[in-house]
């Protein structure tokens, strides 16, 4: 199982599953990260927080705890 947190900068991946529940999962989905969408990992900060991605044509910064909930392939 690979998560968005473990993906290297420059990789394009496809979201397979979003973990978590309730408001956290809903917030991630409202940002445009849903099953099947392609995500380009642009940058990862030196300490791993935040992770900067491009999804649906816009840039988004995610906390590493949130990125850990997003399974990709």
N, C-alpha and C. Protein backbone atom coordinates (compact mmCIF):
# COMPACT_ATOMS: atom_id res chain seq x y z
N UNK A 1 0.84 -1.19 0.00
CA UNK A 1 0.00 0.00 0.00
C UNK A 1 0.88 1.24 0.00
N UNK A 2 0.73 2.06 -1.02
CA UNK A 2 1.48 3.31 -1.11
C UNK A 2 0.52 4.45 -0.82
N UNK A 3 1.01 5.43 -0.06
CA UNK A 3 0.18 6.59 0.24
C UNK A 3 0.77 7.82 -0.43
N UNK A 4 0.01 8.88 -0.46
CA UNK A 4 0.48 10.13 -1.05
C UNK A 4 1.68 10.64 -0.27
N UNK A 5 1.78 10.33 0.99
CA UNK A 5 2.89 10.76 1.84
C UNK A 5 4.21 10.13 1.41
N UNK A 6 4.18 8.91 0.92
CA UNK A 6 5.40 8.18 0.56
C UNK A 6 5.80 8.37 -0.90
N UNK A 7 4.99 9.10 -1.66
CA UNK A 7 5.27 9.33 -3.07
C UNK A 7 6.37 10.38 -3.22
N UNK A 8 7.24 10.18 -4.19
CA UNK A 8 8.36 11.10 -4.41
C UNK A 8 7.95 12.28 -5.29
N UNK A 9 8.59 13.43 -5.13
CA UNK A 9 8.30 14.59 -5.98
C UNK A 9 8.52 14.26 -7.46
N UNK A 10 7.62 14.73 -8.29
CA UNK A 10 7.69 14.48 -9.72
C UNK A 10 6.85 13.31 -10.18
N UNK A 11 6.38 12.47 -9.25
CA UNK A 11 5.56 11.31 -9.61
C UNK A 11 4.11 11.71 -9.80
N UNK A 12 3.48 11.08 -10.79
CA UNK A 12 2.04 11.24 -10.98
C UNK A 12 1.39 9.93 -10.58
N UNK A 13 0.42 10.00 -9.69
CA UNK A 13 -0.23 8.80 -9.16
C UNK A 13 -1.74 8.95 -9.28
N UNK A 14 -2.44 7.85 -9.12
CA UNK A 14 -3.91 7.84 -9.16
C UNK A 14 -4.43 7.45 -7.77
N UNK A 15 -5.40 8.19 -7.28
CA UNK A 15 -5.98 7.93 -5.96
C UNK A 15 -6.85 6.68 -6.05
N UNK A 16 -6.63 5.74 -5.12
CA UNK A 16 -7.44 4.52 -5.09
C UNK A 16 -8.41 4.51 -3.92
N UNK A 17 -8.01 5.14 -2.81
CA UNK A 17 -8.87 5.11 -1.61
C UNK A 17 -8.51 6.27 -0.70
N UNK A 18 -9.52 6.79 -0.04
CA UNK A 18 -9.30 7.84 0.96
C UNK A 18 -9.71 7.30 2.31
N UNK A 19 -8.77 7.26 3.24
CA UNK A 19 -9.06 6.75 4.57
C UNK A 19 -9.69 7.83 5.44
N UNK A 20 -9.75 7.57 6.72
CA UNK A 20 -10.35 8.53 7.63
C UNK A 20 -11.86 8.42 7.60
N UNK A 21 -12.49 9.30 8.35
CA UNK A 21 -13.95 9.29 8.37
C UNK A 21 -14.46 10.66 8.78
N UNK A 22 -15.75 10.86 8.57
CA UNK A 22 -16.41 12.08 9.00
C UNK A 22 -15.88 13.33 8.34
N UNK A 23 -15.73 14.40 9.12
CA UNK A 23 -15.34 15.70 8.57
C UNK A 23 -13.98 15.70 7.87
N UNK A 24 -13.04 14.91 8.35
CA UNK A 24 -11.71 14.88 7.74
C UNK A 24 -11.79 14.33 6.32
N UNK A 25 -12.47 13.22 6.13
CA UNK A 25 -12.61 12.63 4.80
C UNK A 25 -13.39 13.56 3.89
N UNK A 26 -14.42 14.18 4.40
CA UNK A 26 -15.22 15.10 3.61
C UNK A 26 -14.39 16.30 3.16
N UNK A 27 -13.54 16.82 4.05
CA UNK A 27 -12.70 17.97 3.71
C UNK A 27 -11.72 17.62 2.60
N UNK A 28 -11.11 16.44 2.66
CA UNK A 28 -10.19 16.00 1.62
C UNK A 28 -10.91 15.89 0.28
N UNK A 29 -12.12 15.34 0.30
CA UNK A 29 -12.88 15.19 -0.94
C UNK A 29 -13.34 16.54 -1.48
N UNK A 30 -13.65 17.48 -0.62
CA UNK A 30 -14.06 18.82 -1.06
C UNK A 30 -12.91 19.57 -1.71
N UNK A 31 -11.67 19.20 -1.39
CA UNK A 31 -10.51 19.82 -2.01
C UNK A 31 -10.26 19.26 -3.41
N UNK A 32 -11.04 18.27 -3.83
CA UNK A 32 -10.92 17.73 -5.18
C UNK A 32 -10.22 16.40 -5.25
N UNK A 33 -9.81 15.87 -4.12
CA UNK A 33 -9.13 14.57 -4.12
C UNK A 33 -10.18 13.49 -3.90
N UNK A 34 -10.53 12.81 -5.00
CA UNK A 34 -11.52 11.75 -4.95
C UNK A 34 -10.94 10.51 -5.63
N UNK A 35 -11.61 9.40 -5.51
CA UNK A 35 -11.13 8.16 -6.11
C UNK A 35 -10.97 8.28 -7.61
N UNK A 36 -9.85 7.82 -8.14
CA UNK A 36 -9.61 7.81 -9.57
C UNK A 36 -8.93 9.05 -10.13
N UNK A 37 -8.83 10.11 -9.36
CA UNK A 37 -8.22 11.35 -9.85
C UNK A 37 -6.70 11.22 -9.86
N UNK A 38 -6.06 11.83 -10.88
CA UNK A 38 -4.60 11.82 -10.95
C UNK A 38 -4.03 12.99 -10.16
N UNK A 39 -2.96 12.73 -9.44
CA UNK A 39 -2.31 13.73 -8.59
C UNK A 39 -0.83 13.76 -8.92
N UNK A 40 -0.30 14.95 -9.18
CA UNK A 40 1.13 15.14 -9.41
C UNK A 40 1.74 15.68 -8.13
N UNK A 41 2.73 14.98 -7.59
CA UNK A 41 3.42 15.44 -6.39
C UNK A 41 4.50 16.43 -6.84
N UNK A 42 4.34 17.70 -6.47
CA UNK A 42 5.27 18.73 -6.92
C UNK A 42 6.45 18.88 -5.98
N UNK A 43 6.20 19.00 -4.69
CA UNK A 43 7.28 19.20 -3.72
C UNK A 43 6.92 18.55 -2.40
N UNK A 44 7.95 18.18 -1.67
CA UNK A 44 7.78 17.72 -0.29
C UNK A 44 8.76 18.53 0.54
N UNK A 45 8.28 19.17 1.59
CA UNK A 45 9.14 19.98 2.44
C UNK A 45 10.21 19.10 3.09
N UNK A 46 11.35 19.69 3.49
CA UNK A 46 12.45 18.91 4.06
C UNK A 46 12.06 17.99 5.22
N UNK A 47 11.15 18.42 6.05
CA UNK A 47 10.71 17.57 7.16
C UNK A 47 9.45 16.79 6.82
N UNK A 48 9.02 16.85 5.56
CA UNK A 48 7.87 16.08 5.12
C UNK A 48 6.54 16.76 5.29
N UNK A 49 6.51 17.97 5.78
CA UNK A 49 5.25 18.65 6.04
C UNK A 49 5.35 20.10 5.61
N UNK A 50 4.64 20.58 4.65
CA UNK A 50 3.54 19.95 3.91
C UNK A 50 4.01 19.27 2.63
N UNK A 51 3.07 18.59 1.99
CA UNK A 51 3.27 17.97 0.69
C UNK A 51 2.50 18.83 -0.31
N UNK A 52 3.19 19.32 -1.34
CA UNK A 52 2.53 20.16 -2.33
C UNK A 52 2.21 19.32 -3.55
N UNK A 53 0.93 19.30 -3.94
CA UNK A 53 0.47 18.50 -5.07
C UNK A 53 -0.30 19.36 -6.06
N UNK A 54 -0.45 18.84 -7.27
CA UNK A 54 -1.31 19.47 -8.27
C UNK A 54 -2.42 18.49 -8.57
N UNK A 55 -3.64 18.93 -8.39
CA UNK A 55 -4.81 18.09 -8.61
C UNK A 55 -5.88 18.91 -9.32
N UNK A 56 -6.44 18.35 -10.39
CA UNK A 56 -7.50 19.00 -11.16
C UNK A 56 -7.13 20.41 -11.61
N UNK A 57 -5.84 20.63 -11.92
CA UNK A 57 -5.39 21.90 -12.46
C UNK A 57 -5.04 22.98 -11.45
N UNK A 58 -5.05 22.67 -10.16
CA UNK A 58 -4.63 23.66 -9.19
C UNK A 58 -3.70 23.04 -8.15
N UNK A 59 -2.92 23.91 -7.51
CA UNK A 59 -1.95 23.44 -6.52
C UNK A 59 -2.59 23.41 -5.14
N UNK A 60 -2.19 22.42 -4.38
CA UNK A 60 -2.78 22.18 -3.07
C UNK A 60 -1.68 21.73 -2.13
N UNK A 61 -1.67 22.25 -0.92
CA UNK A 61 -0.71 21.80 0.10
C UNK A 61 -1.46 20.99 1.14
N UNK A 62 -0.93 19.81 1.43
CA UNK A 62 -1.54 18.91 2.40
C UNK A 62 -0.61 18.65 3.56
N UNK A 63 -1.17 18.56 4.75
CA UNK A 63 -0.37 18.13 5.89
C UNK A 63 -0.01 16.67 5.70
N UNK A 64 1.12 16.25 6.27
CA UNK A 64 1.54 14.87 6.06
C UNK A 64 0.56 13.88 6.70
N UNK A 65 -0.12 14.28 7.75
CA UNK A 65 -1.12 13.40 8.36
C UNK A 65 -2.29 13.16 7.40
N UNK A 66 -2.68 14.20 6.66
CA UNK A 66 -3.75 14.05 5.67
C UNK A 66 -3.27 13.23 4.48
N UNK A 67 -2.04 13.48 4.02
CA UNK A 67 -1.48 12.76 2.88
C UNK A 67 -1.34 11.26 3.19
N UNK A 68 -1.15 10.92 4.44
CA UNK A 68 -1.01 9.53 4.85
C UNK A 68 -2.33 8.76 4.67
N UNK A 69 -3.46 9.46 4.70
CA UNK A 69 -4.76 8.82 4.56
C UNK A 69 -5.15 8.52 3.12
N UNK A 70 -4.39 9.06 2.15
CA UNK A 70 -4.75 8.94 0.75
C UNK A 70 -3.91 7.83 0.11
N UNK A 71 -4.56 6.71 -0.23
CA UNK A 71 -3.87 5.60 -0.87
C UNK A 71 -3.83 5.83 -2.37
N UNK A 72 -2.67 5.54 -2.98
CA UNK A 72 -2.46 5.78 -4.41
C UNK A 72 -1.81 4.57 -5.06
N UNK A 73 -1.84 4.58 -6.41
CA UNK A 73 -1.14 3.54 -7.18
C UNK A 73 -0.39 4.19 -8.32
